[in-house]
Amino acid sequence: MKASIIGILLTITAIQYSNAQTRTDSTTSTRPNQSQNPSFFTGGSAAVERMPTPPDFNCGAAKVTFQPKTRTVWHSHAGGQFIVVTQGTAWYQEKGKAKQVIPQGGAVICPPNVMHWHGASPDGVMSHTVATPNLDKGGATAGQAVTDEEYNSKN
């Protein structure tokens, strides 16, 4: 089942990546916000487009578009999370580890129950597709906001 989820996510990502090549930042930044939790983001705004997934997949998926400097709060997922950057540059950090720069087309896998944050660099809009598997293990646990100091840190 995990291989199927990864295959579907990569297919969706490839389509979005291909479509992103023909869009401009202004088109992306003005897309309608279909679902947003403002308390889950800091530093700006983000639009969340949830993708429908069949119940037997036990997985959630969404495309999230972050304005420059926007990031999630520290959070974890009981079942882990796959992140594939489809536009721009993402910043990603796990608690206690150095910040990673994820370029367009790059991906990261966050293990279950690991506190982390992800968001756009200060230089431009960033979109990524996320898949959250193993929903039967529980959902996301939100922590504190990522401070400007943490966001701007080299570590």
N, C-alpha and C. Protein backbone atom coordinates (compact mmCIF):
# COMPACT_ATOMS: atom_id res chain seq x y z
N MET A 1 0.82 -1.20 0.00
CA MET A 1 0.00 0.00 0.00
C MET A 1 0.86 1.26 0.00
N LYS A 2 1.97 1.26 0.79
CA LYS A 2 2.83 2.45 0.83
C LYS A 2 3.40 2.76 -0.54
N ALA A 3 3.78 1.72 -1.29
CA ALA A 3 4.33 1.95 -2.64
C ALA A 3 3.27 2.60 -3.52
N SER A 4 2.01 2.19 -3.37
CA SER A 4 0.93 2.79 -4.16
C SER A 4 0.75 4.26 -3.81
N ILE A 5 0.78 4.59 -2.54
CA ILE A 5 0.63 5.97 -2.11
C ILE A 5 1.76 6.82 -2.67
N ILE A 6 2.98 6.33 -2.57
CA ILE A 6 4.12 7.09 -3.09
C ILE A 6 4.00 7.26 -4.59
N GLY A 7 3.60 6.22 -5.30
CA GLY A 7 3.44 6.31 -6.75
C GLY A 7 2.39 7.34 -7.14
N ILE A 8 1.27 7.34 -6.45
CA ILE A 8 0.21 8.30 -6.75
C ILE A 8 0.68 9.72 -6.43
N LEU A 9 1.34 9.91 -5.30
CA LEU A 9 1.84 11.23 -4.93
C LEU A 9 2.83 11.73 -5.98
N LEU A 10 3.73 10.87 -6.42
CA LEU A 10 4.71 11.28 -7.42
C LEU A 10 4.04 11.62 -8.75
N THR A 11 2.99 10.89 -9.12
CA THR A 11 2.26 11.20 -10.34
C THR A 11 1.58 12.55 -10.23
N ILE A 12 0.90 12.81 -9.11
CA ILE A 12 0.24 14.10 -8.89
C ILE A 12 1.28 15.21 -8.91
N THR A 13 2.41 14.97 -8.26
CA THR A 13 3.47 15.98 -8.20
C THR A 13 4.03 16.26 -9.59
N ALA A 14 4.22 15.23 -10.38
CA ALA A 14 4.75 15.43 -11.74
C ALA A 14 3.81 16.28 -12.56
N ILE A 15 2.51 16.05 -12.43
CA ILE A 15 1.52 16.85 -13.16
C ILE A 15 1.58 18.29 -12.67
N GLN A 16 1.60 18.50 -11.34
CA GLN A 16 1.65 19.85 -10.81
C GLN A 16 2.95 20.54 -11.18
N TYR A 17 4.07 19.79 -11.17
CA TYR A 17 5.36 20.37 -11.53
C TYR A 17 5.33 20.82 -12.98
N SER A 18 4.76 19.99 -13.85
CA SER A 18 4.64 20.34 -15.27
C SER A 18 3.77 21.58 -15.44
N ASN A 19 2.65 21.64 -14.74
CA ASN A 19 1.76 22.80 -14.83
C ASN A 19 2.41 24.05 -14.26
N ALA A 20 3.24 23.89 -13.22
CA ALA A 20 3.89 25.05 -12.60
C ALA A 20 4.85 25.71 -13.56
N GLN A 21 5.37 24.96 -14.52
CA GLN A 21 6.31 25.53 -15.48
C GLN A 21 5.67 26.59 -16.35
N THR A 22 4.34 26.54 -16.52
CA THR A 22 3.66 27.49 -17.39
C THR A 22 2.97 28.60 -16.63
N ARG A 23 2.98 28.54 -15.27
CA ARG A 23 2.33 29.57 -14.47
C ARG A 23 3.34 30.61 -14.03
N THR A 24 2.86 31.79 -13.74
CA THR A 24 3.73 32.81 -13.17
C THR A 24 3.47 32.90 -11.67
N ASP A 25 4.37 33.54 -10.95
CA ASP A 25 4.17 33.70 -9.51
C ASP A 25 2.88 34.43 -9.21
N SER A 26 2.52 35.43 -10.03
CA SER A 26 1.30 36.18 -9.74
C SER A 26 0.07 35.29 -9.91
N THR A 27 0.10 34.38 -10.86
CA THR A 27 -1.03 33.46 -11.02
C THR A 27 -1.14 32.56 -9.80
N THR A 28 -0.01 32.02 -9.36
CA THR A 28 -0.02 31.13 -8.21
C THR A 28 -0.44 31.86 -6.95
N SER A 29 0.05 33.08 -6.77
CA SER A 29 -0.22 33.78 -5.52
C SER A 29 -1.67 34.26 -5.41
N THR A 30 -2.39 34.27 -6.52
CA THR A 30 -3.78 34.73 -6.47
C THR A 30 -4.77 33.57 -6.57
N ARG A 31 -4.29 32.34 -6.54
CA ARG A 31 -5.21 31.21 -6.59
C ARG A 31 -6.12 31.24 -5.36
N PRO A 32 -7.36 30.83 -5.50
CA PRO A 32 -8.27 30.89 -4.34
C PRO A 32 -7.84 29.94 -3.24
N ASN A 33 -8.05 30.39 -2.03
CA ASN A 33 -7.74 29.59 -0.86
C ASN A 33 -8.95 28.71 -0.55
N GLN A 34 -8.79 27.40 -0.72
CA GLN A 34 -9.91 26.50 -0.50
C GLN A 34 -10.03 26.03 0.94
N SER A 35 -8.91 26.02 1.65
CA SER A 35 -8.94 25.59 3.04
C SER A 35 -7.68 26.13 3.71
N GLN A 36 -7.84 26.87 4.76
CA GLN A 36 -6.67 27.46 5.42
C GLN A 36 -6.92 27.55 6.91
N ASN A 37 -5.91 27.23 7.69
CA ASN A 37 -5.94 27.38 9.13
C ASN A 37 -4.89 28.42 9.48
N PRO A 38 -5.27 29.68 9.69
CA PRO A 38 -4.29 30.73 9.92
C PRO A 38 -3.41 30.50 11.14
N SER A 39 -3.89 29.77 12.13
CA SER A 39 -3.07 29.53 13.32
C SER A 39 -1.97 28.49 13.05
N PHE A 40 -2.00 27.84 11.91
CA PHE A 40 -0.99 26.84 11.56
C PHE A 40 0.17 27.45 10.78
N PHE A 41 0.01 28.72 10.34
CA PHE A 41 1.04 29.40 9.54
C PHE A 41 1.45 30.70 10.22
N THR A 42 2.70 31.11 9.99
CA THR A 42 3.19 32.37 10.50
C THR A 42 4.10 33.00 9.46
N GLY A 43 4.31 34.31 9.56
CA GLY A 43 5.18 35.01 8.64
C GLY A 43 4.53 35.45 7.35
N GLY A 44 3.27 35.12 7.16
CA GLY A 44 2.55 35.45 5.92
C GLY A 44 1.36 34.54 5.76
N SER A 45 0.96 34.29 4.52
CA SER A 45 -0.22 33.46 4.30
C SER A 45 0.10 32.28 3.39
N ALA A 46 -0.74 31.26 3.49
CA ALA A 46 -0.60 30.06 2.67
C ALA A 46 -1.98 29.59 2.25
N ALA A 47 -2.08 29.07 1.05
CA ALA A 47 -3.32 28.51 0.54
C ALA A 47 -3.19 26.99 0.51
N VAL A 48 -4.19 26.31 1.04
CA VAL A 48 -4.18 24.85 1.11
C VAL A 48 -5.29 24.31 0.23
N GLU A 49 -4.92 23.43 -0.71
CA GLU A 49 -5.90 22.77 -1.57
C GLU A 49 -5.84 21.28 -1.26
N ARG A 50 -6.82 20.80 -0.51
CA ARG A 50 -6.85 19.39 -0.13
C ARG A 50 -7.28 18.54 -1.33
N MET A 51 -6.59 17.41 -1.52
CA MET A 51 -6.92 16.49 -2.60
C MET A 51 -7.76 15.36 -2.03
N PRO A 52 -8.83 15.02 -2.72
CA PRO A 52 -9.63 13.90 -2.23
C PRO A 52 -8.85 12.59 -2.39
N THR A 53 -8.89 11.77 -1.35
CA THR A 53 -8.26 10.46 -1.43
C THR A 53 -9.27 9.41 -0.98
N PRO A 54 -9.27 8.27 -1.63
CA PRO A 54 -10.21 7.20 -1.24
C PRO A 54 -9.96 6.76 0.20
N PRO A 55 -11.01 6.40 0.93
CA PRO A 55 -10.87 6.00 2.33
C PRO A 55 -9.89 4.84 2.53
N ASP A 56 -9.83 3.92 1.59
CA ASP A 56 -8.95 2.77 1.77
C ASP A 56 -7.47 3.12 1.59
N PHE A 57 -7.15 4.36 1.21
CA PHE A 57 -5.76 4.78 1.08
C PHE A 57 -5.15 5.12 2.43
N ASN A 58 -5.98 5.47 3.43
CA ASN A 58 -5.46 5.81 4.76
C ASN A 58 -4.39 6.90 4.67
N CYS A 59 -4.63 7.89 3.80
CA CYS A 59 -3.64 8.92 3.53
C CYS A 59 -4.34 10.22 3.17
N GLY A 60 -3.83 11.32 3.66
CA GLY A 60 -4.30 12.63 3.24
C GLY A 60 -3.28 13.24 2.29
N ALA A 61 -3.74 14.10 1.39
CA ALA A 61 -2.83 14.77 0.46
C ALA A 61 -3.33 16.19 0.22
N ALA A 62 -2.39 17.10 -0.01
CA ALA A 62 -2.75 18.48 -0.26
C ALA A 62 -1.63 19.18 -1.02
N LYS A 63 -2.02 20.23 -1.73
CA LYS A 63 -1.06 21.15 -2.32
C LYS A 63 -1.13 22.41 -1.47
N VAL A 64 0.02 22.89 -1.03
CA VAL A 64 0.08 24.09 -0.20
C VAL A 64 0.98 25.11 -0.89
N THR A 65 0.47 26.33 -1.05
CA THR A 65 1.24 27.41 -1.65
C THR A 65 1.52 28.46 -0.59
N PHE A 66 2.79 28.71 -0.34
CA PHE A 66 3.25 29.64 0.68
C PHE A 66 3.74 30.93 0.03
N GLN A 67 3.35 32.06 0.57
CA GLN A 67 3.92 33.33 0.15
C GLN A 67 5.33 33.43 0.76
N PRO A 68 6.20 34.29 0.22
CA PRO A 68 7.56 34.40 0.76
C PRO A 68 7.54 34.60 2.29
N LYS A 69 8.46 33.93 2.97
CA LYS A 69 8.67 33.98 4.42
C LYS A 69 7.60 33.25 5.22
N THR A 70 6.57 32.73 4.58
CA THR A 70 5.52 32.01 5.29
C THR A 70 6.00 30.61 5.62
N ARG A 71 5.67 30.16 6.83
CA ARG A 71 6.03 28.82 7.24
C ARG A 71 4.97 28.26 8.18
N THR A 72 5.02 26.95 8.35
CA THR A 72 4.13 26.31 9.29
C THR A 72 4.64 26.56 10.71
N VAL A 73 3.83 26.21 11.68
CA VAL A 73 4.30 26.16 13.06
C VAL A 73 5.08 24.85 13.22
N TRP A 74 5.80 24.71 14.32
CA TRP A 74 6.39 23.41 14.64
C TRP A 74 5.24 22.42 14.77
N HIS A 75 5.36 21.28 14.16
CA HIS A 75 4.30 20.28 14.23
C HIS A 75 4.87 18.89 13.93
N SER A 76 4.07 17.88 14.22
CA SER A 76 4.46 16.51 13.89
C SER A 76 3.23 15.79 13.34
N HIS A 77 3.48 14.67 12.70
CA HIS A 77 2.41 13.83 12.17
C HIS A 77 2.62 12.42 12.71
N ALA A 78 1.59 11.85 13.30
CA ALA A 78 1.70 10.52 13.90
C ALA A 78 2.14 9.47 12.88
N GLY A 79 1.74 9.64 11.62
CA GLY A 79 2.09 8.67 10.58
C GLY A 79 3.20 9.13 9.65
N GLY A 80 3.86 10.25 9.96
CA GLY A 80 4.91 10.77 9.09
C GLY A 80 4.35 11.66 7.99
N GLN A 81 5.22 12.15 7.12
CA GLN A 81 4.79 13.03 6.03
C GLN A 81 5.82 13.01 4.90
N PHE A 82 5.31 13.01 3.66
CA PHE A 82 6.12 13.15 2.46
C PHE A 82 5.90 14.56 1.93
N ILE A 83 6.97 15.26 1.56
CA ILE A 83 6.87 16.62 1.03
C ILE A 83 7.64 16.66 -0.29
N VAL A 84 6.96 17.09 -1.37
CA VAL A 84 7.60 17.23 -2.68
C VAL A 84 7.40 18.67 -3.14
N VAL A 85 8.49 19.39 -3.36
CA VAL A 85 8.43 20.80 -3.76
C VAL A 85 8.14 20.89 -5.25
N THR A 86 7.07 21.58 -5.61
CA THR A 86 6.66 21.69 -7.01
C THR A 86 6.95 23.06 -7.62
N GLN A 87 7.22 24.05 -6.77
CA GLN A 87 7.54 25.40 -7.26
C GLN A 87 8.35 26.12 -6.22
N GLY A 88 9.39 26.82 -6.64
CA GLY A 88 10.18 27.63 -5.72
C GLY A 88 11.12 26.81 -4.88
N THR A 89 11.50 27.37 -3.74
CA THR A 89 12.44 26.75 -2.82
C THR A 89 11.81 26.65 -1.44
N ALA A 90 11.87 25.45 -0.87
CA ALA A 90 11.32 25.23 0.48
C ALA A 90 12.44 25.21 1.49
N TRP A 91 12.11 25.63 2.71
CA TRP A 91 12.98 25.44 3.85
C TRP A 91 12.28 24.43 4.75
N TYR A 92 13.06 23.51 5.30
CA TYR A 92 12.53 22.42 6.13
C TYR A 92 13.49 22.21 7.30
N GLN A 93 12.93 22.02 8.49
CA GLN A 93 13.79 21.78 9.64
C GLN A 93 13.10 20.85 10.63
N GLU A 94 13.84 19.87 11.09
CA GLU A 94 13.40 19.00 12.17
C GLU A 94 13.99 19.53 13.47
N LYS A 95 13.25 19.41 14.54
CA LYS A 95 13.69 19.90 15.85
C LYS A 95 15.06 19.30 16.20
N GLY A 96 16.00 20.19 16.56
CA GLY A 96 17.32 19.75 16.95
C GLY A 96 18.29 19.51 15.80
N LYS A 97 17.84 19.72 14.56
CA LYS A 97 18.69 19.50 13.39
C LYS A 97 18.82 20.80 12.59
N ALA A 98 19.78 20.82 11.68
CA ALA A 98 19.99 21.98 10.83
C ALA A 98 18.87 22.13 9.80
N LYS A 99 18.59 23.37 9.42
CA LYS A 99 17.60 23.66 8.39
C LYS A 99 18.10 23.13 7.05
N GLN A 100 17.17 22.59 6.25
CA GLN A 100 17.49 22.10 4.91
C GLN A 100 16.85 23.00 3.87
N VAL A 101 17.53 23.18 2.75
CA VAL A 101 16.98 23.90 1.61
C VAL A 101 16.57 22.85 0.58
N ILE A 102 15.29 22.84 0.22
CA ILE A 102 14.77 21.84 -0.71
C ILE A 102 14.40 22.56 -2.01
N PRO A 103 15.11 22.31 -3.10
CA PRO A 103 14.82 23.00 -4.36
C PRO A 103 13.58 22.44 -5.05
N GLN A 104 13.09 23.18 -6.02
CA GLN A 104 11.96 22.71 -6.83
C GLN A 104 12.31 21.34 -7.40
N GLY A 105 11.39 20.40 -7.26
CA GLY A 105 11.61 19.03 -7.71
C GLY A 105 12.20 18.14 -6.63
N GLY A 106 12.66 18.74 -5.53
CA GLY A 106 13.23 17.97 -4.42
C GLY A 106 12.15 17.47 -3.47
N ALA A 107 12.53 16.53 -2.63
CA ALA A 107 11.57 15.94 -1.71
C ALA A 107 12.24 15.63 -0.38
N VAL A 108 11.42 15.49 0.64
CA VAL A 108 11.90 15.11 1.97
C VAL A 108 10.83 14.22 2.60
N ILE A 109 11.28 13.28 3.40
CA ILE A 109 10.37 12.42 4.17
C ILE A 109 10.59 12.73 5.64
N CYS A 110 9.53 13.14 6.31
CA CYS A 110 9.59 13.40 7.74
C CYS A 110 9.07 12.16 8.47
N PRO A 111 9.88 11.58 9.34
CA PRO A 111 9.45 10.39 10.07
C PRO A 111 8.27 10.67 11.00
N PRO A 112 7.54 9.64 11.39
CA PRO A 112 6.43 9.80 12.32
C PRO A 112 6.86 10.45 13.64
N ASN A 113 5.99 11.32 14.14
CA ASN A 113 6.13 11.96 15.45
C ASN A 113 7.38 12.83 15.61
N VAL A 114 7.94 13.32 14.52
CA VAL A 114 9.11 14.20 14.57
C VAL A 114 8.63 15.64 14.39
N MET A 115 8.92 16.49 15.38
CA MET A 115 8.56 17.90 15.27
C MET A 115 9.38 18.55 14.17
N HIS A 116 8.69 19.30 13.30
CA HIS A 116 9.35 19.94 12.17
C HIS A 116 8.53 21.13 11.71
N TRP A 117 9.12 21.93 10.84
CA TRP A 117 8.39 23.00 10.16
C TRP A 117 8.88 23.05 8.73
N HIS A 118 8.07 23.64 7.85
CA HIS A 118 8.47 23.83 6.46
C HIS A 118 7.76 25.06 5.93
N GLY A 119 8.41 25.72 4.96
CA GLY A 119 7.82 26.92 4.40
C GLY A 119 8.65 27.47 3.25
N ALA A 120 8.27 28.66 2.82
CA ALA A 120 8.93 29.32 1.69
C ALA A 120 10.18 30.06 2.13
N SER A 121 11.11 30.18 1.22
CA SER A 121 12.28 31.03 1.47
C SER A 121 11.81 32.48 1.42
N PRO A 122 12.65 33.42 1.81
CA PRO A 122 12.24 34.83 1.76
C PRO A 122 12.14 35.38 0.33
N ASP A 123 12.68 34.63 -0.63
CA ASP A 123 12.82 35.14 -1.99
C ASP A 123 11.66 34.90 -2.93
N GLY A 124 10.71 34.04 -2.58
CA GLY A 124 9.64 33.79 -3.54
C GLY A 124 8.58 32.83 -3.03
N VAL A 125 7.55 32.70 -3.84
CA VAL A 125 6.45 31.78 -3.56
C VAL A 125 6.97 30.35 -3.65
N MET A 126 6.47 29.48 -2.79
CA MET A 126 6.82 28.07 -2.82
C MET A 126 5.55 27.24 -2.72
N SER A 127 5.46 26.22 -3.56
CA SER A 127 4.35 25.26 -3.47
C SER A 127 4.94 23.88 -3.26
N HIS A 128 4.23 23.09 -2.47
CA HIS A 128 4.61 21.69 -2.34
C HIS A 128 3.37 20.83 -2.23
N THR A 129 3.55 19.58 -2.62
CA THR A 129 2.52 18.57 -2.43
C THR A 129 2.94 17.76 -1.21
N VAL A 130 2.00 17.56 -0.31
CA VAL A 130 2.29 16.76 0.88
C VAL A 130 1.35 15.57 0.93
N ALA A 131 1.87 14.48 1.42
CA ALA A 131 1.05 13.30 1.68
C ALA A 131 1.31 12.91 3.13
N THR A 132 0.23 12.66 3.83
CA THR A 132 0.31 12.26 5.23
C THR A 132 -0.29 10.87 5.34
N PRO A 133 0.57 9.84 5.37
CA PRO A 133 0.07 8.46 5.42
C PRO A 133 -0.30 8.04 6.84
N ASN A 134 -0.85 6.86 6.93
CA ASN A 134 -1.12 6.23 8.22
C ASN A 134 -2.04 7.08 9.10
N LEU A 135 -3.09 7.62 8.51
CA LEU A 135 -4.00 8.47 9.27
C LEU A 135 -4.64 7.75 10.46
N ASP A 136 -4.70 6.43 10.38
CA ASP A 136 -5.26 5.67 11.49
C ASP A 136 -4.40 5.77 12.76
N LYS A 137 -3.17 6.24 12.63
CA LYS A 137 -2.30 6.42 13.79
C LYS A 137 -2.54 7.75 14.49
N GLY A 138 -3.30 8.64 13.86
CA GLY A 138 -3.58 9.95 14.43
C GLY A 138 -3.20 11.04 13.46
N GLY A 139 -3.56 12.26 13.80
CA GLY A 139 -3.32 13.39 12.91
C GLY A 139 -2.09 14.18 13.30
N ALA A 140 -2.13 15.45 12.95
CA ALA A 140 -1.01 16.36 13.23
C ALA A 140 -1.13 16.89 14.66
N THR A 141 0.02 17.13 15.26
CA THR A 141 0.11 17.77 16.55
C THR A 141 0.85 19.09 16.36
N ALA A 142 0.17 20.20 16.60
CA ALA A 142 0.76 21.52 16.40
C ALA A 142 1.48 21.97 17.66
N GLY A 143 2.62 22.63 17.44
CA GLY A 143 3.39 23.20 18.53
C GLY A 143 3.43 24.71 18.43
N GLN A 144 4.54 25.28 18.86
CA GLN A 144 4.72 26.73 18.87
C GLN A 144 5.00 27.27 17.47
N ALA A 145 4.76 28.55 17.29
CA ALA A 145 5.10 29.22 16.04
C ALA A 145 6.61 29.22 15.86
N VAL A 146 7.06 29.16 14.62
CA VAL A 146 8.47 29.29 14.30
C VAL A 146 8.80 30.77 14.36
N THR A 147 9.68 31.14 15.25
CA THR A 147 10.01 32.56 15.43
C THR A 147 10.83 33.07 14.24
N ASP A 148 10.89 34.39 14.09
CA ASP A 148 11.72 34.98 13.04
C ASP A 148 13.19 34.57 13.25
N GLU A 149 13.61 34.51 14.51
CA GLU A 149 14.99 34.10 14.80
C GLU A 149 15.26 32.68 14.33
N GLU A 150 14.34 31.75 14.61
CA GLU A 150 14.49 30.37 14.14
C GLU A 150 14.47 30.32 12.61
N TYR A 151 13.54 31.03 12.02
CA TYR A 151 13.39 31.04 10.56
C TYR A 151 14.65 31.55 9.88
N ASN A 152 15.21 32.63 10.40
CA ASN A 152 16.39 33.28 9.79
C ASN A 152 17.71 32.63 10.18
N SER A 153 17.70 31.71 11.13
CA SER A 153 18.91 31.06 11.59
C SER A 153 19.56 30.25 10.47
N LYS A 154 20.88 30.18 10.50
CA LYS A 154 21.62 29.37 9.53
C LYS A 154 21.54 27.89 9.89
N ASN A 155 21.16 27.57 11.12
CA ASN A 155 21.11 26.19 11.58
C ASN A 155 19.74 25.59 11.43
